[in-house]
Amino acid sequence: MTGKYFHGVDAKGRLTVPSQLRRELGEVCFVVRGPKEYLNVYSTAGWEKFCARFEGQSQSKAGDLMRFLFANAATCEVDAQGRILVPAELREYAGIEKNVTIVGLPDRAELWDSDRYRASEEAYFKEKSMAEIYEELGL
């Protein structure tokens, strides 16, 4: 998944998934809180890989982490109009009220409140040049 897309959430909390990403995410996707104030969206295969990271971990090590991470995740089906219903609790966590920036990444998509994303991107590029980013990635 790649690209940056701009969409709005309607009054019912539905978000149109861009057709380019919809092909990769499939008819069912999984939305979970990101480590900062945005949401991660996984395809079924991506979600299975994500969940596999927890296999074999002890309850004492991962119990609370898994409980609160999975309790705040949602299975979302793409409707006939190409939309998913993003639960209010997840939208609130990410500060999403109306305008959403959808960012495609190799293993998932991210949903950001557009103002937060713009501010985050501007701050990041004030600190780093593209040459520095490529160097950090070893490219």
Protein backbone atom coordinates (compact mmCIF):
# COMPACT_ATOMS: atom_id res chain seq x y z
CA MET A 1 0.00 0.00 0.00
CA THR A 2 1.27 3.42 -0.85
CA GLY A 3 0.05 6.97 -1.17
CA LYS A 4 -1.76 9.61 0.80
CA TYR A 5 -5.50 10.11 0.38
CA PHE A 6 -7.92 12.66 1.76
CA HIS A 7 -11.48 11.71 2.67
CA GLY A 8 -14.15 12.70 5.12
CA VAL A 9 -16.05 10.76 7.75
CA ASP A 10 -19.81 11.12 7.45
CA ALA A 11 -22.19 11.75 10.37
CA LYS A 12 -22.51 7.99 10.97
CA GLY A 13 -18.73 7.47 11.18
CA ARG A 14 -18.35 5.88 7.74
CA LEU A 15 -15.15 6.43 5.81
CA THR A 16 -14.67 5.76 2.11
CA VAL A 17 -11.62 3.58 1.56
CA PRO A 18 -9.77 4.63 -1.62
CA SER A 19 -10.16 2.00 -4.34
CA GLN A 20 -6.37 1.60 -4.60
CA LEU A 21 -6.19 0.59 -0.93
CA ARG A 22 -9.48 -1.31 -0.97
CA ARG A 23 -7.99 -3.82 -3.42
CA GLU A 24 -5.17 -4.53 -0.97
CA LEU A 25 -7.18 -4.43 2.25
CA GLY A 26 -9.97 -6.67 0.95
CA GLU A 27 -13.61 -6.79 1.99
CA VAL A 28 -12.82 -7.06 5.70
CA CYS A 29 -10.17 -5.06 7.52
CA PHE A 30 -9.10 -4.60 11.10
CA VAL A 31 -8.75 -1.19 12.74
CA VAL A 32 -6.73 -0.75 15.92
CA ARG A 33 -5.20 2.12 17.86
CA GLY A 34 -1.76 3.14 16.68
CA PRO A 35 1.08 3.96 19.07
CA LYS A 36 0.32 7.65 18.68
CA GLU A 37 -2.99 9.37 17.98
CA TYR A 38 -3.82 7.61 14.72
CA LEU A 39 -5.35 4.28 13.73
CA ASN A 40 -3.76 1.30 12.00
CA VAL A 41 -5.78 -0.58 9.39
CA TYR A 42 -4.78 -4.14 8.46
CA SER A 43 -5.93 -6.55 5.80
CA THR A 44 -6.92 -10.01 7.02
CA ALA A 45 -3.47 -11.37 6.13
CA GLY A 46 -1.78 -8.36 7.78
CA TRP A 47 -3.89 -8.80 10.91
CA GLU A 48 -2.96 -12.47 11.12
CA LYS A 49 0.74 -11.54 10.91
CA PHE A 50 0.21 -8.86 13.57
CA CYS A 51 -1.55 -11.34 15.89
CA ALA A 52 1.15 -13.97 15.34
CA ARG A 53 3.62 -11.66 17.09
CA PHE A 54 1.86 -12.48 20.36
CA GLU A 55 2.04 -16.26 20.02
CA GLY A 56 4.11 -17.89 22.71
CA GLN A 57 4.32 -14.81 24.93
CA SER A 58 3.51 -15.36 28.56
CA GLN A 59 0.35 -13.93 30.08
CA SER A 60 2.40 -11.97 32.58
CA LYS A 61 4.45 -10.34 29.84
CA ALA A 62 1.75 -9.60 27.30
CA GLY A 63 -1.55 -9.99 29.17
CA ASP A 64 -2.42 -6.34 29.73
CA LEU A 65 -0.93 -5.30 26.42
CA MET A 66 -2.99 -7.82 24.50
CA ARG A 67 -6.14 -7.16 26.50
CA PHE A 68 -6.20 -3.43 25.92
CA LEU A 69 -4.90 -3.59 22.37
CA PHE A 70 -7.45 -6.15 21.19
CA ALA A 71 -10.30 -4.69 23.25
CA ASN A 72 -9.78 -1.46 21.32
CA ALA A 73 -9.73 -3.05 17.87
CA ALA A 74 -12.58 -3.42 15.40
CA THR A 75 -13.40 -5.71 12.52
CA CYS A 76 -14.74 -3.53 9.71
CA GLU A 77 -16.53 -4.75 6.60
CA VAL A 78 -16.38 -2.71 3.42
CA ASP A 79 -19.92 -1.89 2.29
CA ALA A 80 -21.23 -1.68 -1.28
CA GLN A 81 -20.13 1.98 -1.51
CA GLY A 82 -16.56 1.13 -0.45
CA ARG A 83 -16.92 2.49 3.09
CA ILE A 84 -16.04 1.17 6.52
CA LEU A 85 -17.69 2.16 9.77
CA VAL A 86 -14.97 3.38 12.12
CA PRO A 87 -16.28 3.03 15.69
CA ALA A 88 -16.74 6.26 17.63
CA GLU A 89 -14.29 5.21 20.35
CA LEU A 90 -11.52 4.71 17.78
CA ARG A 91 -12.33 7.98 16.01
CA GLU A 92 -12.18 9.76 19.37
CA TYR A 93 -8.77 8.25 20.18
CA ALA A 94 -7.37 9.50 16.86
CA GLY A 95 -9.14 12.86 17.08
CA ILE A 96 -10.99 12.14 13.84
CA GLU A 97 -14.07 14.29 13.49
CA LYS A 98 -14.45 15.00 9.79
CA ASN A 99 -11.34 15.16 7.59
CA VAL A 100 -9.17 12.05 7.39
CA THR A 101 -5.78 11.50 5.81
CA ILE A 102 -5.23 7.87 4.86
CA VAL A 103 -1.59 6.87 4.50
CA GLY A 104 -0.54 3.66 2.76
CA LEU A 105 2.41 1.73 4.22
CA PRO A 106 3.87 -1.62 3.16
CA ASP A 107 2.07 -3.63 5.86
CA ARG A 108 -0.94 -1.48 6.71
CA ALA A 109 -2.72 1.84 6.24
CA GLU A 110 -2.98 4.60 8.83
CA LEU A 111 -5.97 6.83 9.50
CA TRP A 112 -5.13 10.30 10.78
CA ASP A 113 -7.11 13.41 11.57
CA SER A 114 -5.97 15.54 8.62
CA ASP A 115 -4.84 18.51 10.73
CA ARG A 116 -2.79 16.21 13.01
CA TYR A 117 -1.21 14.48 10.03
CA ARG A 118 -0.30 17.76 8.35
CA ALA A 119 1.30 19.07 11.55
CA SER A 120 3.18 15.80 12.10
CA GLU A 121 4.49 15.73 8.52
CA GLU A 122 5.55 19.38 8.62
CA ALA A 123 7.37 18.89 11.92
CA TYR A 124 9.11 15.78 10.62
CA PHE A 125 10.39 17.45 7.47
CA LYS A 126 11.65 20.43 9.48
CA GLU A 127 13.91 17.96 11.30
CA LYS A 128 14.98 15.69 8.44
CA SER A 129 15.69 15.95 4.74
CA MET A 130 14.76 13.22 2.27
CA ALA A 131 18.49 12.42 1.94
CA GLU A 132 18.67 11.78 5.70
CA ILE A 133 15.58 9.59 5.57
CA TYR A 134 17.02 7.46 2.76
CA GLU A 135 20.30 7.19 4.64
CA GLU A 136 18.58 6.07 7.86
CA LEU A 137 16.72 3.42 5.86
CA GLY A 138 20.00 2.23 4.32
CA LEU A 139 18.92 3.12 0.80
